[in-house]
N, C-alpha and C. Protein backbone atom coordinates (compact mmCIF):
# COMPACT_ATOMS: atom_id res chain seq x y z
N MET A 1 7.15 8.14 28.86
CA MET A 1 7.84 8.72 27.58
C MET A 1 7.27 9.82 26.73
N GLY A 2 8.06 11.12 26.38
CA GLY A 2 6.99 12.07 25.27
C GLY A 2 7.36 10.94 23.39
N LYS A 3 6.30 11.72 23.33
CA LYS A 3 6.18 11.12 21.63
C LYS A 3 6.70 11.91 20.91
N ILE A 4 7.29 10.67 19.84
CA ILE A 4 8.36 11.57 19.09
C ILE A 4 7.12 11.39 17.57
N TYR A 5 7.16 12.70 16.92
CA TYR A 5 6.95 13.65 15.91
C TYR A 5 8.05 13.56 14.60
N ASN A 6 7.59 13.31 13.72
CA ASN A 6 7.85 13.22 12.60
C ASN A 6 7.49 14.76 12.00
N ILE A 7 8.40 15.41 11.73
CA ILE A 7 8.07 17.20 11.10
C ILE A 7 9.20 17.67 10.30
N ASN A 8 8.79 17.97 8.73
CA ASN A 8 8.95 17.99 7.70
C ASN A 8 9.84 19.41 8.06
N LYS A 9 10.58 20.24 7.17
CA LYS A 9 11.13 21.00 7.29
C LYS A 9 10.37 22.37 7.32
N ASP A 10 8.92 22.09 6.51
CA ASP A 10 8.14 23.46 6.17
C ASP A 10 7.65 23.52 7.69
N GLU A 11 7.18 22.40 8.01
CA GLU A 11 6.56 22.54 9.73
C GLU A 11 7.59 23.49 10.34
N ARG A 12 9.08 22.27 10.36
CA ARG A 12 10.03 23.12 11.49
C ARG A 12 9.96 24.54 11.29
N ARG A 13 10.16 25.64 9.55
CA ARG A 13 9.81 26.83 9.40
C ARG A 13 8.53 27.07 9.97
N PHE A 14 7.82 26.61 10.20
CA PHE A 14 6.18 27.70 9.94
C PHE A 14 6.55 27.68 12.28
N ASN A 15 6.83 26.54 12.73
CA ASN A 15 6.36 26.57 13.99
C ASN A 15 7.81 27.65 14.34
N LEU A 16 9.03 27.59 14.03
CA LEU A 16 10.37 28.44 14.30
C LEU A 16 9.69 29.84 14.34
N ARG A 17 9.33 29.96 13.34
CA ARG A 17 8.21 31.70 12.68
C ARG A 17 7.14 31.40 13.72
N THR A 18 6.50 30.93 13.75
CA THR A 18 5.32 31.12 15.04
C THR A 18 5.98 31.46 16.66
N ALA A 19 7.39 30.74 16.94
CA ALA A 19 7.50 30.87 17.45
C ALA A 19 8.31 32.20 18.25
N THR A 20 8.89 32.43 16.69
CA THR A 20 10.03 34.06 16.98
C THR A 20 8.93 35.10 17.03
N LYS A 21 7.82 34.97 16.10
CA LYS A 21 6.61 35.83 16.51
C LYS A 21 6.14 36.18 17.71
N LYS A 22 6.20 35.15 18.67
CA LYS A 22 5.48 35.43 19.66
C LYS A 22 6.04 35.52 20.99
N VAL A 23 7.45 35.11 20.33
CA VAL A 23 8.59 35.42 21.36
C VAL A 23 8.90 37.15 21.49
N SER A 24 8.72 37.55 19.51
CA SER A 24 8.88 39.19 19.96
C SER A 24 7.51 39.66 20.24
N ASP A 25 6.42 39.17 20.20
CA ASP A 25 5.23 40.03 20.99
C ASP A 25 5.17 40.25 22.61
N ILE A 26 6.26 39.55 23.35
CA ILE A 26 6.24 39.51 24.45
C ILE A 26 6.64 41.04 24.92
N THR A 27 5.83 41.57 26.11
CA THR A 27 7.06 43.00 26.59
C THR A 27 7.76 42.60 27.35
N VAL A 28 8.26 43.88 27.81
CA VAL A 28 9.66 43.93 28.34
C VAL A 28 9.04 43.15 29.76
N ASP A 29 7.46 43.68 30.49
CA ASP A 29 7.50 43.35 32.12
C ASP A 29 7.42 41.88 31.98
N GLU A 30 6.49 41.51 30.66
CA GLU A 30 6.09 39.64 30.08
C GLU A 30 7.41 38.89 30.54
N LEU A 31 8.55 40.03 30.04
CA LEU A 31 9.93 38.91 30.02
C LEU A 31 10.20 38.58 31.22
N LYS A 32 10.43 39.81 32.01
CA LYS A 32 11.14 39.88 33.79
C LYS A 32 9.93 38.96 33.92
N THR A 33 8.55 38.94 33.71
CA THR A 33 8.04 38.03 34.56
C THR A 33 8.61 36.65 34.45
N ILE A 34 8.57 36.11 33.03
CA ILE A 34 8.47 34.73 32.71
C ILE A 34 10.16 34.23 33.42
N ILE A 35 10.96 35.42 33.60
CA ILE A 35 12.46 35.09 34.13
C ILE A 35 12.36 34.58 35.77
N HIS A 36 11.63 35.29 36.21
CA HIS A 36 11.47 35.29 37.40
C HIS A 36 10.53 34.36 37.96
N GLU A 37 10.09 33.93 37.42
CA GLU A 37 9.37 32.69 37.32
C GLU A 37 10.31 31.38 37.18
N VAL A 38 10.91 31.67 36.59
CA VAL A 38 11.80 30.40 35.86
C VAL A 38 13.01 30.02 37.12
N ILE A 39 13.46 31.20 37.47
CA ILE A 39 14.57 31.69 38.03
C ILE A 39 14.06 31.35 39.99
N ALA A 40 12.79 31.76 39.90
CA ALA A 40 11.80 30.75 41.29
C ALA A 40 12.22 29.21 41.51
N GLU A 41 11.74 29.35 40.51
CA GLU A 41 11.48 27.59 39.69
C GLU A 41 13.05 26.81 40.02
N ASP A 42 13.85 27.25 39.16
CA ASP A 42 15.15 26.38 39.64
C ASP A 42 15.71 26.98 40.92
N LEU A 43 15.40 27.67 41.95
CA LEU A 43 15.70 28.04 43.08
C LEU A 43 15.15 26.92 43.98
N GLU A 44 14.08 26.90 44.21
CA GLU A 44 12.82 25.60 44.39
C GLU A 44 14.37 24.39 44.43
N ALA A 45 13.74 24.01 43.06
CA ALA A 45 14.48 22.59 42.67
C ALA A 45 15.96 23.09 43.65
N TRP A 46 16.76 23.83 43.52
CA TRP A 46 17.74 23.59 44.28
C TRP A 46 17.62 23.30 45.04
N ARG A 47 17.19 24.16 46.05
CA ARG A 47 16.61 24.06 47.93
C ARG A 47 16.13 22.56 48.00
N GLU A 48 15.23 22.27 47.18
CA GLU A 48 15.07 20.65 47.29
C GLU A 48 16.27 19.63 46.88
N THR A 49 17.03 19.74 46.26
CA THR A 49 17.70 19.35 46.03
C THR A 49 19.32 18.84 47.36
N PHE A 50 19.25 20.44 48.36
CA PHE A 50 20.06 20.41 49.24
C PHE A 50 19.72 19.64 50.36
N GLU A 51 18.24 20.16 50.49
CA GLU A 51 17.41 19.30 51.49
C GLU A 51 17.29 17.67 51.69
N ILE A 52 17.75 17.23 50.45
CA ILE A 52 17.93 15.88 50.14
C ILE A 52 19.57 15.72 50.36
N MET A 53 20.11 16.56 50.16
CA MET A 53 21.97 16.13 49.92
C MET A 53 21.50 16.31 52.16
N ALA A 54 21.27 16.92 52.65
CA ALA A 54 21.21 17.38 53.98
C ALA A 54 20.77 16.12 55.03
N ASP A 55 20.36 15.12 54.36
CA ASP A 55 19.47 14.04 55.11
C ASP A 55 20.88 13.16 55.41
N LYS A 56 21.32 12.74 55.96
CA LYS A 56 22.00 11.85 55.96
C LYS A 56 21.58 10.35 55.76
N LYS A 57 20.62 9.99 56.52
CA LYS A 57 19.65 8.62 56.45
C LYS A 57 19.48 8.56 54.99
N LEU A 58 18.98 9.41 54.43
CA LEU A 58 18.44 9.57 52.85
C LEU A 58 19.42 9.60 51.77
N MET A 59 20.10 10.16 52.14
CA MET A 59 21.65 9.49 51.39
C MET A 59 22.32 8.08 51.22
N ALA A 60 22.20 7.72 52.81
CA ALA A 60 22.66 6.90 52.60
C ALA A 60 21.43 5.60 52.00
N GLN A 61 21.03 6.02 51.78
CA GLN A 61 19.59 4.92 51.16
C GLN A 61 19.80 5.00 49.79
N ILE A 62 19.49 6.47 49.49
CA ILE A 62 20.30 6.48 47.90
C ILE A 62 21.71 5.58 47.72
N LYS A 63 22.38 5.74 48.04
CA LYS A 63 23.73 4.98 47.73
C LYS A 63 23.41 3.82 47.84
N GLN A 64 22.47 3.66 49.15
CA GLN A 64 22.42 1.84 49.09
C GLN A 64 21.99 1.37 48.09
N SER A 65 20.48 2.22 47.27
CA SER A 65 20.14 1.30 46.25
C SER A 65 21.20 1.97 44.90
N ASP A 66 21.78 2.46 44.97
CA ASP A 66 22.34 2.57 43.69
C ASP A 66 23.60 1.57 43.35
N THR A 67 24.11 0.71 44.64
CA THR A 67 24.94 0.02 44.87
C THR A 67 23.77 -1.73 44.69
N ASP A 68 22.74 -1.20 45.42
CA ASP A 68 21.55 -2.52 44.26
C ASP A 68 21.33 -2.53 43.53
N TRP A 69 21.50 -1.37 42.43
CA TRP A 69 21.02 -1.50 40.83
C TRP A 69 22.52 -1.48 40.08
N ARG A 70 23.12 -1.53 40.69
CA ARG A 70 24.80 -2.14 39.82
C ARG A 70 25.20 -3.29 40.36
N THR A 71 25.02 -3.82 41.18
CA THR A 71 25.19 -4.99 41.71
C THR A 71 24.31 -6.46 41.12
N GLY A 72 22.85 -5.73 40.64
CA GLY A 72 21.63 -6.15 40.09
C GLY A 72 20.80 -7.07 41.02
N LYS A 73 20.82 -6.50 42.15
CA LYS A 73 19.72 -7.05 43.22
C LYS A 73 18.82 -6.70 43.10
N LYS A 74 17.60 -7.37 42.16
CA LYS A 74 16.52 -6.79 41.86
C LYS A 74 15.52 -7.15 43.07
N GLU A 75 15.93 -8.44 43.81
CA GLU A 75 15.09 -8.06 45.47
C GLU A 75 14.74 -6.39 45.93
N ALA A 76 15.52 -5.67 45.71
CA ALA A 76 16.01 -4.72 46.31
C ALA A 76 14.80 -3.83 46.32
N TYR A 77 14.11 -4.23 44.97
CA TYR A 77 13.13 -3.06 44.23
C TYR A 77 11.97 -3.84 44.19
N VAL A 78 11.14 -2.27 44.22
CA VAL A 78 9.52 -3.08 44.27
C VAL A 78 8.88 -2.77 42.40
N SER A 79 8.36 -3.71 42.01
CA SER A 79 7.94 -3.34 41.10
C SER A 79 6.67 -1.94 40.73
N TRP A 80 7.08 -1.77 39.74
CA TRP A 80 5.72 -0.50 39.83
C TRP A 80 4.11 -1.61 40.54
N ASP A 81 4.16 -2.48 39.46
CA ASP A 81 2.29 -2.73 40.11
C ASP A 81 2.20 -3.15 41.49
N GLU A 82 3.45 -4.11 42.18
CA GLU A 82 3.36 -4.04 43.61
C GLU A 82 3.27 -2.17 44.40
N LEU A 83 3.93 -1.47 44.01
CA LEU A 83 4.00 0.02 43.89
C LEU A 83 2.42 0.56 44.21
N LYS A 84 1.98 0.18 42.80
CA LYS A 84 0.60 0.91 42.96
C LYS A 84 -0.26 0.37 43.66
N SER A 85 -0.05 -0.77 44.44
CA SER A 85 -0.87 -1.32 45.24
C SER A 85 -1.68 -1.50 46.57
N VAL A 86 -0.18 -0.27 46.54
CA VAL A 86 -0.03 -0.45 48.56
C VAL A 86 -1.39 1.01 48.81
């Protein structure tokens, strides 16, 4: 889990100003590159999602694990320590 930082209003204003300045310094070509990279990452994530959804066996396992979780079948799960030692 991520760290929680306490930031006062002045620090927030400085960070926003710095971020705004950096964004305004980006050229159109750099911005296009960033947009293309973000779109490519999103498309890859969707492809992976569709691959998982198309795998009937994997989807059945996911549904079974959801059922096991809801019904409290703890024996159906492996602890992190057990998994690390495999």
